[in-house]
């Protein structure tokens, strides 16, 4: 039996996830100078309902790639991030 391959990081899936949780990730970044990844995941879940923790991470990376949110990793071991800039919408 042939398995269906899903492109979880593809444009269609990223757009679908972004439309659902993108605003929550962006508002979180606007409100926090530093945060742990778990805090972002918790905020997204509370704001939008249950989602995979990796979804918030993927949207955060996409926002950085598009120049909307600038952040740096303070401690990879602690999953600690620092928001450097958030572009005005």
Protein backbone atom coordinates (compact mmCIF):
# COMPACT_ATOMS: atom_id res chain seq x y z
CA UNK A 1 0.00 0.00 0.00
CA UNK A 2 1.36 3.41 -0.96
CA UNK A 3 1.50 6.00 1.84
CA UNK A 4 0.39 9.54 1.27
CA UNK A 5 3.23 11.96 1.95
CA UNK A 6 2.19 15.15 3.69
CA UNK A 7 4.23 18.32 3.25
CA UNK A 8 3.89 19.76 6.76
CA UNK A 9 6.25 22.66 6.05
CA UNK A 10 4.90 23.39 2.58
CA UNK A 11 3.30 26.70 1.65
CA UNK A 12 -0.29 25.42 1.75
CA UNK A 13 0.03 23.97 5.24
CA UNK A 14 1.96 26.99 6.53
CA UNK A 15 -0.75 29.31 5.18
CA UNK A 16 -3.49 27.22 6.79
CA UNK A 17 -1.76 27.21 10.18
CA UNK A 18 -0.80 30.88 9.93
CA UNK A 19 -4.37 31.92 9.21
CA UNK A 20 -5.44 30.14 12.38
CA UNK A 21 -2.71 31.14 14.85
CA UNK A 22 -0.63 33.87 13.18
CA UNK A 23 -2.39 36.75 14.93
CA UNK A 24 -1.91 35.08 18.33
CA UNK A 25 1.83 34.62 17.73
CA UNK A 26 2.19 38.21 16.54
CA UNK A 27 0.28 39.71 19.48
CA UNK A 28 2.36 37.63 21.89
CA UNK A 29 5.58 38.98 20.36
CA UNK A 30 4.26 42.54 20.60
CA UNK A 31 3.53 42.08 24.31
CA UNK A 32 6.75 40.30 25.38
CA UNK A 33 10.39 41.36 25.31
CA UNK A 34 11.65 37.93 26.41
CA UNK A 35 9.84 34.62 26.57
CA UNK A 36 10.30 30.89 26.78
CA UNK A 37 8.93 28.78 23.94
CA UNK A 38 6.50 27.11 26.36
CA UNK A 39 4.96 30.50 27.18
CA UNK A 40 4.34 31.14 23.48
CA UNK A 41 2.80 27.67 23.06
CA UNK A 42 0.54 28.23 26.07
CA UNK A 43 -0.60 31.64 24.80
CA UNK A 44 -1.41 30.27 21.34
CA UNK A 45 -3.35 27.36 22.81
CA UNK A 46 -5.36 29.67 25.10
CA UNK A 47 -6.06 32.13 22.29
CA UNK A 48 -6.93 29.68 19.52
CA UNK A 49 -7.61 26.28 21.03
CA UNK A 50 -5.47 23.18 20.87
CA UNK A 51 -2.65 23.22 18.32
CA UNK A 52 0.62 21.39 17.93
CA UNK A 53 3.41 23.18 19.84
CA UNK A 54 5.58 23.09 16.73
CA UNK A 55 2.96 25.15 14.89
CA UNK A 56 3.67 28.26 16.95
CA UNK A 57 7.38 27.75 16.36
CA UNK A 58 6.88 27.45 12.60
CA UNK A 59 4.76 30.60 12.49
CA UNK A 60 7.34 32.48 14.59
CA UNK A 61 10.08 31.46 12.13
CA UNK A 62 7.88 32.45 9.19
CA UNK A 63 7.22 35.88 10.72
CA UNK A 64 10.98 36.34 11.10
CA UNK A 65 11.64 35.22 7.54
CA UNK A 66 9.06 37.72 6.25
CA UNK A 67 10.61 40.53 8.32
CA UNK A 68 7.59 41.01 10.58
CA UNK A 69 9.23 39.88 13.83
CA UNK A 70 12.92 40.13 14.62
CA UNK A 71 14.10 37.95 17.50
CA UNK A 72 17.17 36.20 18.76
CA UNK A 73 17.68 33.00 20.69
CA UNK A 74 19.12 33.93 24.09
CA UNK A 75 19.44 30.32 25.27
CA UNK A 76 18.71 27.34 23.06
CA UNK A 77 18.91 25.00 26.07
CA UNK A 78 16.27 27.01 27.93
CA UNK A 79 14.26 27.84 24.78
CA UNK A 80 14.58 31.51 25.74
CA UNK A 81 13.92 34.12 23.07
CA UNK A 82 14.26 37.89 22.96
CA UNK A 83 12.08 40.01 20.71
CA UNK A 84 14.24 42.69 19.09
CA UNK A 85 11.63 44.36 16.89
CA UNK A 86 8.07 43.88 15.67
CA UNK A 87 7.16 45.70 12.49
CA UNK A 88 4.00 47.77 12.73
CA UNK A 89 1.09 46.28 10.82
